[in-house]
Amino acid sequence: MSSSEEQLQIIKTRPGFVAALDQSGGSTPKALGLYGVTEDAWSNDDEMFAVVHQMRSRIITSPAFNGDRILGAILFENTMDRDIEGQPTASYLWNVKNVVPFLKVDKGLAAEENGAQVMNPMPELGALLEKAKGKGIFGTKMRSVIKQANQAGIDAVVSQQFEIGRQIVAAGLVPIIEPEVDIHCPDKAAAEDMLHDAIMAELDSLGEDEIVMLKLTLPEKDNLYADCVAHSNVARVVALSGGYSRDEANDRLSRQNGMVASFSRALAEGLTAQQSDDEFNATLDASIASIFEASNT
């Protein structure tokens, strides 16, 4: 069995969740601020990314972080291009931690139209996918946002996600399709119903070898996405925390059978640069334990 086949089996069958470690340029200062590192710690983007790599390295190298409870980890390109303990980050994740590496590939969000934000153009996607394959990346992640229960906006988001998803599949990678519904959407349940139907129509149009993952906002109706979880073209359905506290995200997730977490901010909640290694590892271990338990339903 090749490593990619082995990784696909892990994603499909192993208990656990996906760690989202992919804050990029715009969200990095906020993530560092929550970690207790203020903006006076760097003077340019290069220094900022070096600081955030230290944070991510501390998380990934922690004894609490391994394949026993974590299926995969989503990286930002800058993290993929760096090393951890002398190995490229993706190689370290797989070879040392038995965690499947993913790469965030989107270039941010376009302006809101019809109550939704599609993704910015990705003219260099082909080259990035080739580079990712060369570095041992298994899959990708790309995010759009739905802010209103507007059919035209939702259709635009889902259509773009699956169109690019097919390109990613053709390049030999497994895309995580992420049409996030903003948790402050005024009619979130209605938006989720529209999203569910649009996703199912796209899934049913895939060829049998076109395998994708879905990353979805925790829904108002429990098990709304059960037929996505069961779909033969879906390797796994993961949930984003979306601004919910870790406790609320875990509570909502525990009611979704077969859906597992892919939390970012909620995973790192409570971690600070000022903690001793023992404090840091204990806090991370408790966070991972609670998210793993909520995912295992």
C-alpha atoms as a PDB file:
ATOM      1  CA  MET A   1       0.000   0.000   0.000  1.00  0.00           C
ATOM      2  CA  SER A   2       1.386   3.425  -0.947  1.00  0.00           C
ATOM      3  CA  SER A   3       1.541   6.176   1.663  1.00  0.00           C
ATOM      4  CA  SER A   4      -1.341   8.028  -0.027  1.00  0.00           C
ATOM      5  CA  GLU A   5      -3.506   4.867   0.086  1.00  0.00           C
ATOM      6  CA  GLU A   6      -2.562   4.355   3.720  1.00  0.00           C
ATOM      7  CA  GLN A   7      -3.379   7.999   4.452  1.00  0.00           C
ATOM      8  CA  LEU A   8      -6.772   7.703   2.757  1.00  0.00           C
ATOM      9  CA  GLN A   9      -7.607   4.683   4.921  1.00  0.00           C
ATOM     10  CA  ILE A  10      -6.658   6.653   8.041  1.00  0.00           C
ATOM     11  CA  ILE A  11      -8.847   9.589   7.004  1.00  0.00           C
ATOM     12  CA  LYS A  12     -11.788   7.299   6.203  1.00  0.00           C
ATOM     13  CA  THR A  13     -11.668   4.949   9.172  1.00  0.00           C
ATOM     14  CA  ARG A  14      -9.520   6.037  12.112  1.00  0.00           C
ATOM     15  CA  PRO A  15     -11.116   7.705  15.146  1.00  0.00           C
ATOM     16  CA  GLY A  16      -9.860  11.237  15.681  1.00  0.00           C
ATOM     17  CA  PHE A  17     -10.066  14.726  14.232  1.00  0.00           C
ATOM     18  CA  VAL A  18      -8.218  17.139  11.944  1.00  0.00           C
ATOM     19  CA  ALA A  19      -6.150  19.935  13.498  1.00  0.00           C
ATOM     20  CA  ALA A  20      -6.418  23.217  11.572  1.00  0.00           C
ATOM     21  CA  LEU A  21      -3.062  25.003  11.862  1.00  0.00           C
ATOM     22  CA  ASP A  22      -3.519  27.127   8.748  1.00  0.00           C
ATOM     23  CA  GLN A  23      -4.021  30.724   9.870  1.00  0.00           C
ATOM     24  CA  SER A  24      -2.533  32.800   7.056  1.00  0.00           C
ATOM     25  CA  GLY A  25      -1.423  36.412   6.713  1.00  0.00           C
ATOM     26  CA  GLY A  26      -4.611  38.184   7.764  1.00  0.00           C
ATOM     27  CA  SER A  27      -5.518  35.984  10.720  1.00  0.00           C
ATOM     28  CA  THR A  28      -1.998  35.399  12.055  1.00  0.00           C
ATOM     29  CA  PRO A  29      -1.759  38.484  14.342  1.00  0.00           C
ATOM     30  CA  LYS A  30      -5.052  37.546  16.016  1.00  0.00           C
ATOM     31  CA  ALA A  31      -3.924  33.932  16.493  1.00  0.00           C
ATOM     32  CA  LEU A  32      -0.626  35.122  17.986  1.00  0.00           C
ATOM     33  CA  GLY A  33      -2.443  37.629  20.195  1.00  0.00           C
ATOM     34  CA  LEU A  34      -4.568  34.840  21.678  1.00  0.00           C
ATOM     35  CA  TYR A  35      -1.303  32.934  22.224  1.00  0.00           C
ATOM     36  CA  GLY A  36       0.037  35.877  24.249  1.00  0.00           C
ATOM     37  CA  VAL A  37       2.416  37.290  21.615  1.00  0.00           C
ATOM     38  CA  THR A  38       1.739  40.934  20.731  1.00  0.00           C
ATOM     39  CA  GLU A  39       2.546  42.703  17.466  1.00  0.00           C
ATOM     40  CA  ASP A  40       5.681  44.333  18.899  1.00  0.00           C
ATOM     41  CA  ALA A  41       7.298  40.856  18.683  1.00  0.00           C
ATOM     42  CA  TRP A  42       7.865  41.293  14.936  1.00  0.00           C
ATOM     43  CA  SER A  43       8.581  44.125  12.515  1.00  0.00           C
ATOM     44  CA  ASN A  44       7.678  42.531   9.149  1.00  0.00           C
ATOM     45  CA  ASP A  45       5.832  39.559   7.669  1.00  0.00           C
ATOM     46  CA  ASP A  46       8.922  37.336   7.584  1.00  0.00           C
ATOM     47  CA  GLU A  47       9.457  37.808  11.311  1.00  0.00           C
ATOM     48  CA  MET A  48       5.732  37.310  12.007  1.00  0.00           C
ATOM     49  CA  PHE A  49       5.692  34.002  10.116  1.00  0.00           C
ATOM     50  CA  ALA A  50       8.813  32.882  11.993  1.00  0.00           C
ATOM     51  CA  VAL A  51       7.025  33.591  15.288  1.00  0.00           C
ATOM     52  CA  VAL A  52       3.865  31.729  14.254  1.00  0.00           C
ATOM     53  CA  HIS A  53       5.994  28.808  13.066  1.00  0.00           C
ATOM     54  CA  GLN A  54       7.453  28.607  16.577  1.00  0.00           C
ATOM     55  CA  MET A  55       3.901  28.386  17.944  1.00  0.00           C
ATOM     56  CA  ARG A  56       2.875  25.707  15.428  1.00  0.00           C
ATOM     57  CA  SER A  57       6.092  23.759  15.996  1.00  0.00           C
ATOM     58  CA  ARG A  58       5.435  23.786  19.739  1.00  0.00           C
ATOM     59  CA  ILE A  59       1.955  22.363  19.148  1.00  0.00           C
ATOM     60  CA  ILE A  60       3.072  19.737  16.612  1.00  0.00           C
ATOM     61  CA  THR A  61       6.103  18.554  18.635  1.00  0.00           C
ATOM     62  CA  SER A  62       4.102  18.307  21.880  1.00  0.00           C
ATOM     63  CA  PRO A  63       3.760  14.734  23.191  1.00  0.00           C
ATOM     64  CA  ALA A  64      -0.025  15.352  23.234  1.00  0.00           C
ATOM     65  CA  PHE A  65      -0.094  15.833  19.452  1.00  0.00           C
ATOM     66  CA  ASN A  66       0.062  12.525  17.560  1.00  0.00           C
ATOM     67  CA  GLY A  67      -1.864  10.097  15.369  1.00  0.00           C
ATOM     68  CA  ASP A  68      -3.540   8.397  18.322  1.00  0.00           C
ATOM     69  CA  ARG A  69      -6.156  11.179  18.376  1.00  0.00           C
ATOM     70  CA  ILE A  70      -5.329  13.415  15.414  1.00  0.00           C
ATOM     71  CA  LEU A  71      -6.032  12.215  11.865  1.00  0.00           C
ATOM     72  CA  GLY A  72      -4.599  15.118   9.931  1.00  0.00           C
ATOM     73  CA  ALA A  73      -3.277  18.667  10.165  1.00  0.00           C
ATOM     74  CA  ILE A  74      -3.976  21.545   7.768  1.00  0.00           C
ATOM     75  CA  LEU A  75      -0.979  23.767   7.044  1.00  0.00           C
ATOM     76  CA  PHE A  76      -0.522  27.215   5.553  1.00  0.00           C
ATOM     77  CA  GLU A  77       1.928  27.268   2.612  1.00  0.00           C
ATOM     78  CA  ASN A  78       4.546  29.141   4.654  1.00  0.00           C
ATOM     79  CA  THR A  79       4.442  26.329   7.257  1.00  0.00           C
ATOM     80  CA  MET A  80       4.757  23.647   4.567  1.00  0.00           C
ATOM     81  CA  ASP A  81       7.897  25.408   3.316  1.00  0.00           C
ATOM     82  CA  ARG A  82       9.563  25.310   6.759  1.00  0.00           C
ATOM     83  CA  ASP A  83      11.126  22.510   8.801  1.00  0.00           C
ATOM     84  CA  ILE A  84      10.384  21.012  12.200  1.00  0.00           C
ATOM     85  CA  GLU A  85      13.297  19.311  13.964  1.00  0.00           C
ATOM     86  CA  GLY A  86      15.236  19.126  10.706  1.00  0.00           C
ATOM     87  CA  GLN A  87      12.454  17.669   8.538  1.00  0.00           C
ATOM     88  CA  PRO A  88      10.015  19.454   6.223  1.00  0.00           C
ATOM     89  CA  THR A  89       6.813  20.036   8.210  1.00  0.00           C
ATOM     90  CA  ALA A  90       4.649  17.645   6.170  1.00  0.00           C
ATOM     91  CA  SER A  91       7.279  14.890   6.426  1.00  0.00           C
ATOM     92  CA  TYR A  92       7.577  15.416  10.185  1.00  0.00           C
ATOM     93  CA  LEU A  93       3.802  15.171  10.597  1.00  0.00           C
ATOM     94  CA  TRP A  94       3.623  11.887   8.713  1.00  0.00           C
ATOM     95  CA  ASN A  95       6.935  10.214   9.564  1.00  0.00           C
ATOM     96  CA  VAL A  96       7.165  11.185  13.230  1.00  0.00           C
ATOM     97  CA  LYS A  97       3.575  11.816  14.320  1.00  0.00           C
ATOM     98  CA  ASN A  98       1.584   9.572  11.907  1.00  0.00           C
ATOM     99  CA  VAL A  99      -0.632  12.575  11.113  1.00  0.00           C
ATOM    100  CA  VAL A 100      -1.837  13.126   7.522  1.00  0.00           C
ATOM    101  CA  PRO A 101      -0.718  16.526   6.075  1.00  0.00           C
ATOM    102  CA  PHE A 102      -3.087  18.916   4.259  1.00  0.00           C
ATOM    103  CA  LEU A 103      -2.437  22.327   2.682  1.00  0.00           C
ATOM    104  CA  LYS A 104      -4.662  25.415   2.626  1.00  0.00           C
ATOM    105  CA  VAL A 105      -4.681  26.506  -1.042  1.00  0.00           C
ATOM    106  CA  ASP A 106      -7.184  29.367  -1.291  1.00  0.00           C
ATOM    107  CA  LYS A 107      -6.085  32.995  -1.662  1.00  0.00           C
ATOM    108  CA  GLY A 108      -8.760  34.503   0.539  1.00  0.00           C
ATOM    109  CA  LEU A 109     -12.291  35.699  -0.100  1.00  0.00           C
ATOM    110  CA  ALA A 110     -13.812  37.919  -2.770  1.00  0.00           C
ATOM    111  CA  ALA A 111     -16.193  40.741  -1.837  1.00  0.00           C
ATOM    112  CA  GLU A 112     -19.648  39.682  -0.654  1.00  0.00           C
ATOM    113  CA  GLU A 113     -22.212  39.173  -3.407  1.00  0.00           C
ATOM    114  CA  ASN A 114     -25.693  37.671  -3.005  1.00  0.00           C
ATOM    115  CA  GLY A 115     -24.983  37.125   0.682  1.00  0.00           C
ATOM    116  CA  ALA A 116     -21.860  35.043   0.105  1.00  0.00           C
ATOM    117  CA  GLN A 117     -18.128  35.317  -0.490  1.00  0.00           C
ATOM    118  CA  VAL A 118     -16.622  33.062  -3.123  1.00  0.00           C
ATOM    119  CA  MET A 119     -12.857  32.525  -3.234  1.00  0.00           C
ATOM    120  CA  ASN A 120     -10.433  34.865  -4.939  1.00  0.00           C
ATOM    121  CA  PRO A 121      -8.942  33.584  -8.214  1.00  0.00           C
ATOM    122  CA  MET A 122      -6.100  31.056  -7.857  1.00  0.00           C
ATOM    123  CA  PRO A 123      -4.056  31.476 -11.050  1.00  0.00           C
ATOM    124  CA  GLU A 124      -1.060  29.581  -9.612  1.00  0.00           C
ATOM    125  CA  LEU A 125      -3.062  26.651  -8.234  1.00  0.00           C
ATOM    126  CA  GLY A 126      -1.557  24.094 -10.632  1.00  0.00           C
ATOM    127  CA  ALA A 127       2.006  24.941  -9.609  1.00  0.00           C
ATOM    128  CA  LEU A 128       1.054  24.940  -5.913  1.00  0.00           C
ATOM    129  CA  LEU A 129      -0.549  21.496  -6.179  1.00  0.00           C
ATOM    130  CA  GLU A 130       2.548  20.145  -7.917  1.00  0.00           C
ATOM    131  CA  LYS A 131       4.758  21.610  -5.180  1.00  0.00           C
ATOM    132  CA  ALA A 132       2.478  20.180  -2.481  1.00  0.00           C
ATOM    133  CA  LYS A 133       2.625  16.702  -4.017  1.00  0.00           C
ATOM    134  CA  GLY A 134       6.403  16.921  -4.049  1.00  0.00           C
ATOM    135  CA  LYS A 135       6.419  17.750  -0.353  1.00  0.00           C
ATOM    136  CA  GLY A 136       4.224  14.787   0.612  1.00  0.00           C
ATOM    137  CA  ILE A 137       0.941  16.648   1.078  1.00  0.00           C
ATOM    138  CA  PHE A 138      -2.140  14.358   0.941  1.00  0.00           C
ATOM    139  CA  GLY A 139      -4.953  16.860   0.502  1.00  0.00           C
ATOM    140  CA  THR A 140      -5.964  20.503   0.383  1.00  0.00           C
ATOM    141  CA  LYS A 141      -8.410  22.896   2.027  1.00  0.00           C
ATOM    142  CA  MET A 142     -10.188  25.946   0.595  1.00  0.00           C
ATOM    143  CA  ARG A 143     -12.765  28.160   2.296  1.00  0.00           C
ATOM    144  CA  SER A 144     -15.746  30.197   1.116  1.00  0.00           C
ATOM    145  CA  VAL A 145     -18.294  31.918   3.381  1.00  0.00           C
ATOM    146  CA  ILE A 146     -22.101  32.050   3.264  1.00  0.00           C
ATOM    147  CA  LYS A 147     -23.634  34.948   5.188  1.00  0.00           C
ATOM    148  CA  GLN A 148     -27.272  34.895   4.050  1.00  0.00           C
ATOM    149  CA  ALA A 149     -29.875  32.287   3.098  1.00  0.00           C
ATOM    150  CA  ASN A 150     -29.578  33.366  -0.539  1.00  0.00           C
ATOM    151  CA  GLN A 151     -29.860  30.630  -3.171  1.00  0.00           C
ATOM    152  CA  ALA A 152     -27.788  32.435  -5.797  1.00  0.00           C
ATOM    153  CA  GLY A 153     -24.945  33.095  -3.384  1.00  0.00           C
ATOM    154  CA  ILE A 154     -24.959  29.550  -2.021  1.00  0.00           C
ATOM    155  CA  ASP A 155     -25.041  28.051  -5.509  1.00  0.00           C
ATOM    156  CA  ALA A 156     -22.079  30.230  -6.560  1.00  0.00           C
ATOM    157  CA  VAL A 157     -20.044  29.091  -3.552  1.00  0.00           C
ATOM    158  CA  VAL A 158     -20.780  25.381  -4.007  1.00  0.00           C
ATOM    159  CA  SER A 159     -20.281  25.447  -7.777  1.00  0.00           C
ATOM    160  CA  GLN A 160     -16.867  27.115  -7.437  1.00  0.00           C
ATOM    161  CA  GLN A 161     -15.796  24.801  -4.606  1.00  0.00           C
ATOM    162  CA  PHE A 162     -16.562  21.648  -6.598  1.00  0.00           C
ATOM    163  CA  GLU A 163     -15.146  23.011  -9.859  1.00  0.00           C
ATOM    164  CA  ILE A 164     -11.795  23.656  -8.184  1.00  0.00           C
ATOM    165  CA  GLY A 165     -12.169  20.466  -6.147  1.00  0.00           C
ATOM    166  CA  ARG A 166     -12.238  18.468  -9.376  1.00  0.00           C
ATOM    167  CA  GLN A 167      -8.969  20.115 -10.468  1.00  0.00           C
ATOM    168  CA  ILE A 168      -7.413  19.123  -7.144  1.00  0.00           C
ATOM    169  CA  VAL A 169      -8.627  15.524  -7.489  1.00  0.00           C
ATOM    170  CA  ALA A 170      -7.192  15.433 -11.030  1.00  0.00           C
ATOM    171  CA  ALA A 171      -3.828  16.516  -9.577  1.00  0.00           C
ATOM    172  CA  GLY A 172      -3.859  13.463  -7.286  1.00  0.00           C
ATOM    173  CA  LEU A 173      -4.851  15.175  -4.022  1.00  0.00           C
ATOM    174  CA  VAL A 174      -7.986  14.993  -1.854  1.00  0.00           C
ATOM    175  CA  PRO A 175      -9.705  18.382  -1.478  1.00  0.00           C
ATOM    176  CA  ILE A 176     -11.431  19.508   1.698  1.00  0.00           C
ATOM    177  CA  ILE A 177     -14.360  21.529   0.370  1.00  0.00           C
ATOM    178  CA  GLU A 178     -15.266  24.214   2.930  1.00  0.00           C
ATOM    179  CA  PRO A 179     -18.405  26.297   2.281  1.00  0.00           C
ATOM    180  CA  GLU A 180     -18.640  27.828   5.763  1.00  0.00           C
ATOM    181  CA  VAL A 181     -22.003  29.158   6.938  1.00  0.00           C
ATOM    182  CA  ASP A 182     -21.329  32.183   9.168  1.00  0.00           C
ATOM    183  CA  ILE A 183     -22.655  31.358  12.657  1.00  0.00           C
ATOM    184  CA  HIS A 184     -24.232  34.859  12.687  1.00  0.00           C
ATOM    185  CA  CYS A 185     -26.214  34.198   9.489  1.00  0.00           C
ATOM    186  CA  PRO A 186     -29.724  35.554  10.277  1.00  0.00           C
ATOM    187  CA  ASP A 187     -31.491  32.429   8.967  1.00  0.00           C
ATOM    188  CA  LYS A 188     -28.734  29.903   9.480  1.00  0.00           C
ATOM    189  CA  ALA A 189     -31.000  26.831   9.375  1.00  0.00           C
ATOM    190  CA  ALA A 190     -32.498  27.846   6.016  1.00  0.00           C
ATOM    191  CA  ALA A 191     -29.051  28.587   4.578  1.00  0.00           C
ATOM    192  CA  GLU A 192     -27.872  25.153   5.730  1.00  0.00           C
ATOM    193  CA  ASP A 193     -30.829  23.426   4.081  1.00  0.00           C
ATOM    194  CA  MET A 194     -29.973  25.154   0.775  1.00  0.00           C
ATOM    195  CA  LEU A 195     -26.291  24.316   1.206  1.00  0.00           C
ATOM    196  CA  HIS A 196     -27.038  20.661   1.960  1.00  0.00           C
ATOM    197  CA  ASP A 197     -29.094  20.268  -1.213  1.00  0.00           C
ATOM    198  CA  ALA A 198     -26.471  22.012  -3.370  1.00  0.00           C
ATOM    199  CA  ILE A 199     -23.681  19.834  -1.944  1.00  0.00           C
ATOM    200  CA  MET A 200     -25.630  16.610  -2.472  1.00  0.00           C
ATOM    201  CA  ALA A 201     -26.312  17.508  -6.115  1.00  0.00           C
ATOM    202  CA  GLU A 202     -22.575  18.062  -6.687  1.00  0.00           C
ATOM    203  CA  LEU A 203     -21.579  14.875  -4.841  1.00  0.00           C
ATOM    204  CA  ASP A 204     -23.994  12.845  -6.946  1.00  0.00           C
ATOM    205  CA  SER A 205     -22.351  14.202 -10.117  1.00  0.00           C
ATOM    206  CA  LEU A 206     -18.825  13.056  -9.181  1.00  0.00           C
ATOM    207  CA  GLY A 207     -17.178  10.073 -10.837  1.00  0.00           C
ATOM    208  CA  GLU A 208     -16.694   7.057  -8.583  1.00  0.00           C
ATOM    209  CA  ASP A 209     -12.943   7.735  -8.226  1.00  0.00           C
ATOM    210  CA  GLU A 210     -13.394  11.425  -7.381  1.00  0.00           C
ATOM    211  CA  ILE A 211     -12.986  11.446  -3.598  1.00  0.00           C
ATOM    212  CA  VAL A 212     -13.485  14.627  -1.570  1.00  0.00           C
ATOM    213  CA  MET A 213     -13.853  15.718   2.043  1.00  0.00           C
ATOM    214  CA  LEU A 214     -16.258  18.317   3.398  1.00  0.00           C
ATOM    215  CA  LYS A 215     -15.632  20.910   6.117  1.00  0.00           C
ATOM    216  CA  LEU A 216     -18.919  22.339   7.344  1.00  0.00           C
ATOM    217  CA  THR A 217     -20.286  24.648  10.019  1.00  0.00           C
ATOM    218  CA  LEU A 218     -21.929  22.808  12.906  1.00  0.00           C
ATOM    219  CA  PRO A 219     -25.593  22.806  11.822  1.00  0.00           C
ATOM    220  CA  GLU A 220     -28.769  23.945  13.565  1.00  0.00           C
ATOM    221  CA  LYS A 221     -30.478  20.642  12.706  1.00  0.00           C
ATOM    222  CA  ASP A 222     -28.595  17.716  14.168  1.00  0.00           C
ATOM    223  CA  ASN A 223     -27.360  15.206  11.584  1.00  0.00           C
ATOM    224  CA  LEU A 224     -28.405  17.438   8.682  1.00  0.00           C
ATOM    225  CA  TYR A 225     -25.328  16.185   6.824  1.00  0.00           C
ATOM    226  CA  ALA A 226     -25.789  12.461   7.587  1.00  0.00           C
ATOM    227  CA  ASP A 227     -26.216  11.637   3.895  1.00  0.00           C
ATOM    228  CA  CYS A 228     -22.983  13.527   3.112  1.00  0.00           C
ATOM    229  CA  VAL A 229     -21.199  11.454   5.780  1.00  0.00           C
ATOM    230  CA  ALA A 230     -22.542   8.262   4.157  1.00  0.00           C
ATOM    231  CA  HIS A 231     -21.835   9.308   0.542  1.00  0.00           C
ATOM    232  CA  SER A 232     -19.455   7.006  -1.331  1.00  0.00           C
ATOM    233  CA  ASN A 233     -17.466   9.971  -2.736  1.00  0.00           C
ATOM    234  CA  VAL A 234     -16.820  11.500   0.708  1.00  0.00           C
ATOM    235  CA  ALA A 235     -13.781  10.330   2.666  1.00  0.00           C
ATOM    236  CA  ARG A 236     -14.774  12.262   5.826  1.00  0.00           C
ATOM    237  CA  VAL A 237     -16.955  15.154   6.933  1.00  0.00           C
ATOM    238  CA  VAL A 238     -15.231  17.510   9.361  1.00  0.00           C
ATOM    239  CA  ALA A 239     -16.639  20.455  11.282  1.00  0.00           C
ATOM    240  CA  LEU A 240     -15.230  23.936  11.789  1.00  0.00           C
ATOM    241  CA  SER A 241     -15.636  25.685  15.146  1.00  0.00           C
ATOM    242  CA  GLY A 242     -16.628  28.917  13.383  1.00  0.00           C
ATOM    243  CA  GLY A 243     -16.412  31.243  16.368  1.00  0.00           C
ATOM    244  CA  TYR A 244     -18.186  28.999  18.854  1.00  0.00           C
ATOM    245  CA  SER A 245     -16.284  28.455  22.106  1.00  0.00           C
ATOM    246  CA  ARG A 246     -14.607  25.062  22.359  1.00  0.00           C
ATOM    247  CA  ASP A 247     -17.250  23.893  24.857  1.00  0.00           C
ATOM    248  CA  GLU A 248     -20.149  24.878  22.595  1.00  0.00           C
ATOM    249  CA  ALA A 249     -18.414  23.532  19.478  1.00  0.00           C
ATOM    250  CA  ASN A 250     -17.778  20.210  21.240  1.00  0.00           C
ATOM    251  CA  ASP A 251     -21.369  20.073  22.475  1.00  0.00           C
ATOM    252  CA  ARG A 252     -22.776  20.681  18.989  1.00  0.00           C
ATOM    253  CA  LEU A 253     -20.296  18.263  17.417  1.00  0.00           C
ATOM    254  CA  SER A 254     -21.128  15.460  19.847  1.00  0.00           C
ATOM    255  CA  ARG A 255     -24.683  15.441  18.422  1.00  0.00           C
ATOM    256  CA  GLN A 256     -23.521  14.972  14.789  1.00  0.00           C
ATOM    257  CA  ASN A 257     -22.987  11.261  14.161  1.00  0.00           C
ATOM    258  CA  GLY A 258     -19.962  10.509  11.992  1.00  0.00           C
ATOM    259  CA  MET A 259     -18.812  14.138  11.770  1.00  0.00           C
ATOM    260  CA  VAL A 260     -15.418  14.931  13.341  1.00  0.00           C
ATOM    261  CA  ALA A 261     -13.758  18.189  14.309  1.00  0.00           C
ATOM    262  CA  SER A 262     -11.407  20.341  12.294  1.00  0.00           C
ATOM    263  CA  PHE A 263     -10.910  23.104  14.823  1.00  0.00           C
ATOM    264  CA  SER A 264      -8.331  25.917  14.699  1.00  0.00           C
ATOM    265  CA  ARG A 265      -8.924  28.580  17.339  1.00  0.00           C
ATOM    266  CA  ALA A 266     -10.870  26.132  19.536  1.00  0.00           C
ATOM    267  CA  LEU A 267      -7.931  23.697  19.466  1.00  0.00           C
ATOM    268  CA  ALA A 268      -5.426  26.344  20.591  1.00  0.00           C
ATOM    269  CA  GLU A 269      -7.768  27.886  23.195  1.00  0.00           C
ATOM    270  CA  GLY A 270      -5.885  28.354  26.476  1.00  0.00           C
ATOM    271  CA  LEU A 271      -2.374  27.914  25.022  1.00  0.00           C
ATOM    272  CA  THR A 272       0.104  30.753  25.640  1.00  0.00           C
ATOM    273  CA  ALA A 273       3.751  31.410  24.876  1.00  0.00           C
ATOM    274  CA  GLN A 274       4.311  32.141  28.571  1.00  0.00           C
ATOM    275  CA  GLN A 275       3.354  28.632  29.745  1.00  0.00           C
ATOM    276  CA  SER A 276       6.049  26.193  30.796  1.00  0.00           C
ATOM    277  CA  ASP A 277       6.322  23.120  28.582  1.00  0.00           C
ATOM    278  CA  ASP A 278       4.520  21.057  31.224  1.00  0.00           C
ATOM    279  CA  GLU A 279       1.648  23.574  31.445  1.00  0.00           C
ATOM    280  CA  PHE A 280       1.467  23.918  27.660  1.00  0.00           C
ATOM    281  CA  ASN A 281       1.426  20.165  27.066  1.00  0.00           C
ATOM    282  CA  ALA A 282      -1.180  19.564  29.779  1.00  0.00           C
ATOM    283  CA  THR A 283      -3.451  22.299  28.359  1.00  0.00           C
ATOM    284  CA  LEU A 284      -3.073  20.961  24.810  1.00  0.00           C
ATOM    285  CA  ASP A 285      -3.646  17.387  25.985  1.00  0.00           C
ATOM    286  CA  ALA A 286      -6.923  18.386  27.686  1.00  0.00           C
ATOM    287  CA  SER A 287      -8.027  20.303  24.579  1.00  0.00           C
ATOM    288  CA  ILE A 288      -7.242  17.374  22.271  1.00  0.00           C
ATOM    289  CA  ALA A 289      -8.972  14.926  24.647  1.00  0.00           C
ATOM    290  CA  SER A 290     -12.190  16.957  24.721  1.00  0.00           C
ATOM    291  CA  ILE A 291     -12.275  17.448  20.923  1.00  0.00           C
ATOM    292  CA  PHE A 292     -11.457  13.766  20.316  1.00  0.00           C
ATOM    293  CA  GLU A 293     -14.323  12.708  22.602  1.00  0.00           C
ATOM    294  CA  ALA A 294     -16.801  15.048  20.870  1.00  0.00           C
ATOM    295  CA  SER A 295     -15.632  13.724  17.469  1.00  0.00           C
ATOM    296  CA  ASN A 296     -16.053  10.088  18.471  1.00  0.00           C
ATOM    297  CA  THR A 297     -19.848   9.909  18.081  1.00  0.00           C
END
